Amino acid sequence: MLPLPTRFAGIILAFAPLFVHRSWRHAQNLLVGAILTPGQRTVTSVLRNLGRA
């Protein structure tokens, strides 16, 4: 995953306690992808935007 600006990292890290460590990496990618994906934000469109289709 690309390094995030500190403003984004602070917001996204607030969700970290809600996840188990192993699933946090996947959740973090989905959160960032949801922010970057325009239009309808389905899991498929988020993963496609992140290049993991």
N, C-alpha and C. Protein backbone atom coordinates (compact mmCIF):
# COMPACT_ATOMS: atom_id res chain seq x y z
N MET A 1 0.84 -1.18 0.00
CA MET A 1 0.00 0.00 0.00
C MET A 1 0.88 1.24 0.00
N LEU A 2 0.42 2.27 -0.70
CA LEU A 2 1.17 3.52 -0.77
C LEU A 2 1.10 4.25 0.57
N PRO A 3 2.17 5.00 0.89
CA PRO A 3 2.10 5.79 2.12
C PRO A 3 1.04 6.87 2.00
N LEU A 4 0.33 7.09 3.08
CA LEU A 4 -0.77 8.07 3.09
C LEU A 4 -0.30 9.39 3.68
N PRO A 5 -0.92 10.49 3.23
CA PRO A 5 -0.67 11.76 3.91
C PRO A 5 -1.09 11.65 5.38
N THR A 6 -0.46 12.40 6.22
CA THR A 6 -0.70 12.28 7.66
C THR A 6 -2.16 12.56 8.03
N ARG A 7 -2.83 13.44 7.31
CA ARG A 7 -4.24 13.71 7.62
C ARG A 7 -5.10 12.48 7.38
N PHE A 8 -4.86 11.80 6.26
CA PHE A 8 -5.61 10.58 5.96
C PHE A 8 -5.24 9.47 6.92
N ALA A 9 -3.96 9.33 7.21
CA ALA A 9 -3.50 8.24 8.08
C ALA A 9 -4.14 8.36 9.46
N GLY A 10 -4.23 9.56 9.99
CA GLY A 10 -4.84 9.75 11.30
C GLY A 10 -6.30 9.35 11.34
N ILE A 11 -7.01 9.67 10.27
CA ILE A 11 -8.44 9.33 10.21
C ILE A 11 -8.62 7.83 10.04
N ILE A 12 -7.86 7.23 9.15
CA ILE A 12 -8.00 5.80 8.88
C ILE A 12 -7.53 4.97 10.07
N LEU A 13 -6.49 5.40 10.75
CA LEU A 13 -6.01 4.65 11.91
C LEU A 13 -6.99 4.65 13.06
N ALA A 14 -7.94 5.56 13.05
CA ALA A 14 -8.98 5.57 14.10
C ALA A 14 -9.84 4.31 14.02
N PHE A 15 -9.90 3.68 12.85
CA PHE A 15 -10.68 2.46 12.68
C PHE A 15 -9.90 1.19 13.03
N ALA A 16 -8.61 1.28 13.22
CA ALA A 16 -7.76 0.11 13.45
C ALA A 16 -8.20 -0.75 14.63
N PRO A 17 -8.61 -0.18 15.77
CA PRO A 17 -9.01 -1.03 16.90
C PRO A 17 -10.24 -1.89 16.64
N LEU A 18 -10.97 -1.60 15.59
CA LEU A 18 -12.18 -2.36 15.29
C LEU A 18 -11.89 -3.65 14.54
N PHE A 19 -10.64 -3.85 14.12
CA PHE A 19 -10.29 -5.00 13.30
C PHE A 19 -9.18 -5.83 13.94
N VAL A 20 -9.18 -7.11 13.64
CA VAL A 20 -8.07 -7.99 14.00
C VAL A 20 -6.90 -7.61 13.11
N HIS A 21 -5.68 -7.78 13.59
CA HIS A 21 -4.49 -7.34 12.86
C HIS A 21 -4.45 -7.89 11.43
N ARG A 22 -4.77 -9.16 11.26
CA ARG A 22 -4.70 -9.77 9.92
C ARG A 22 -5.70 -9.16 8.96
N SER A 23 -6.88 -8.85 9.44
CA SER A 23 -7.90 -8.29 8.55
C SER A 23 -7.75 -6.78 8.39
N TRP A 24 -6.98 -6.13 9.26
CA TRP A 24 -6.81 -4.68 9.18
C TRP A 24 -6.16 -4.26 7.87
N ARG A 25 -5.20 -5.04 7.39
CA ARG A 25 -4.54 -4.68 6.12
C ARG A 25 -5.55 -4.63 4.98
N HIS A 26 -6.45 -5.59 4.93
CA HIS A 26 -7.47 -5.62 3.88
C HIS A 26 -8.48 -4.48 4.07
N ALA A 27 -8.88 -4.27 5.29
CA ALA A 27 -9.84 -3.20 5.58
C ALA A 27 -9.25 -1.83 5.25
N GLN A 28 -7.98 -1.66 5.53
CA GLN A 28 -7.32 -0.39 5.24
C GLN A 28 -7.31 -0.13 3.74
N ASN A 29 -7.02 -1.15 2.95
CA ASN A 29 -7.06 -1.00 1.50
C ASN A 29 -8.46 -0.65 1.02
N LEU A 30 -9.47 -1.30 1.59
CA LEU A 30 -10.85 -1.02 1.18
C LEU A 30 -11.28 0.39 1.58
N LEU A 31 -10.85 0.86 2.74
CA LEU A 31 -11.19 2.22 3.17
C LEU A 31 -10.57 3.26 2.24
N VAL A 32 -9.29 3.08 1.92
CA VAL A 32 -8.62 4.02 1.03
C VAL A 32 -9.24 3.95 -0.36
N GLY A 33 -9.52 2.76 -0.83
CA GLY A 33 -10.15 2.61 -2.13
C GLY A 33 -11.52 3.25 -2.18
N ALA A 34 -12.28 3.15 -1.11
CA ALA A 34 -13.61 3.76 -1.06
C ALA A 34 -13.51 5.29 -1.13
N ILE A 35 -12.47 5.84 -0.55
CA ILE A 35 -12.27 7.29 -0.62
C ILE A 35 -11.91 7.70 -2.05
N LEU A 36 -11.11 6.90 -2.72
CA LEU A 36 -10.62 7.25 -4.06
C LEU A 36 -11.58 6.89 -5.19
N THR A 37 -12.55 6.04 -4.95
CA THR A 37 -13.44 5.56 -6.01
C THR A 37 -14.59 6.53 -6.23
N PRO A 38 -14.73 7.02 -7.47
CA PRO A 38 -15.86 7.90 -7.76
C PRO A 38 -17.12 7.07 -8.05
N GLY A 39 -18.27 7.69 -7.91
CA GLY A 39 -19.52 7.03 -8.24
C GLY A 39 -19.92 5.98 -7.22
N GLN A 40 -20.55 4.92 -7.72
CA GLN A 40 -21.03 3.86 -6.85
C GLN A 40 -19.84 3.09 -6.27
N ARG A 41 -19.82 2.92 -4.97
CA ARG A 41 -18.68 2.30 -4.29
C ARG A 41 -19.00 0.86 -3.90
N THR A 42 -18.96 -0.02 -4.87
CA THR A 42 -19.10 -1.44 -4.57
C THR A 42 -17.71 -1.99 -4.28
N VAL A 43 -17.66 -3.15 -3.66
CA VAL A 43 -16.36 -3.75 -3.38
C VAL A 43 -15.59 -3.99 -4.67
N THR A 44 -16.30 -4.41 -5.71
CA THR A 44 -15.65 -4.66 -7.00
C THR A 44 -15.06 -3.38 -7.57
N SER A 45 -15.78 -2.27 -7.53
CA SER A 45 -15.26 -1.02 -8.07
C SER A 45 -14.10 -0.49 -7.24
N VAL A 46 -14.14 -0.70 -5.92
CA VAL A 46 -13.03 -0.27 -5.06
C VAL A 46 -11.78 -1.08 -5.39
N LEU A 47 -11.92 -2.40 -5.50
CA LEU A 47 -10.76 -3.23 -5.82
C LEU A 47 -10.23 -2.93 -7.22
N ARG A 48 -11.10 -2.67 -8.16
CA ARG A 48 -10.67 -2.33 -9.51
C ARG A 48 -9.89 -1.02 -9.50
N ASN A 49 -10.33 -0.05 -8.72
CA ASN A 49 -9.65 1.23 -8.62
C ASN A 49 -8.27 1.09 -7.99
N LEU A 50 -8.13 0.13 -7.09
CA LEU A 50 -6.84 -0.11 -6.45
C LEU A 50 -5.92 -1.00 -7.28
N GLY A 51 -6.42 -1.46 -8.43
CA GLY A 51 -5.61 -2.31 -9.28
C GLY A 51 -5.57 -3.76 -8.83
N ARG A 52 -6.56 -4.20 -8.07
CA ARG A 52 -6.61 -5.57 -7.56
C ARG A 52 -7.84 -6.31 -8.06
N ALA A 53 -8.26 -6.00 -9.28
CA ALA A 53 -9.46 -6.62 -9.84
C ALA A 53 -9.29 -8.08 -10.11
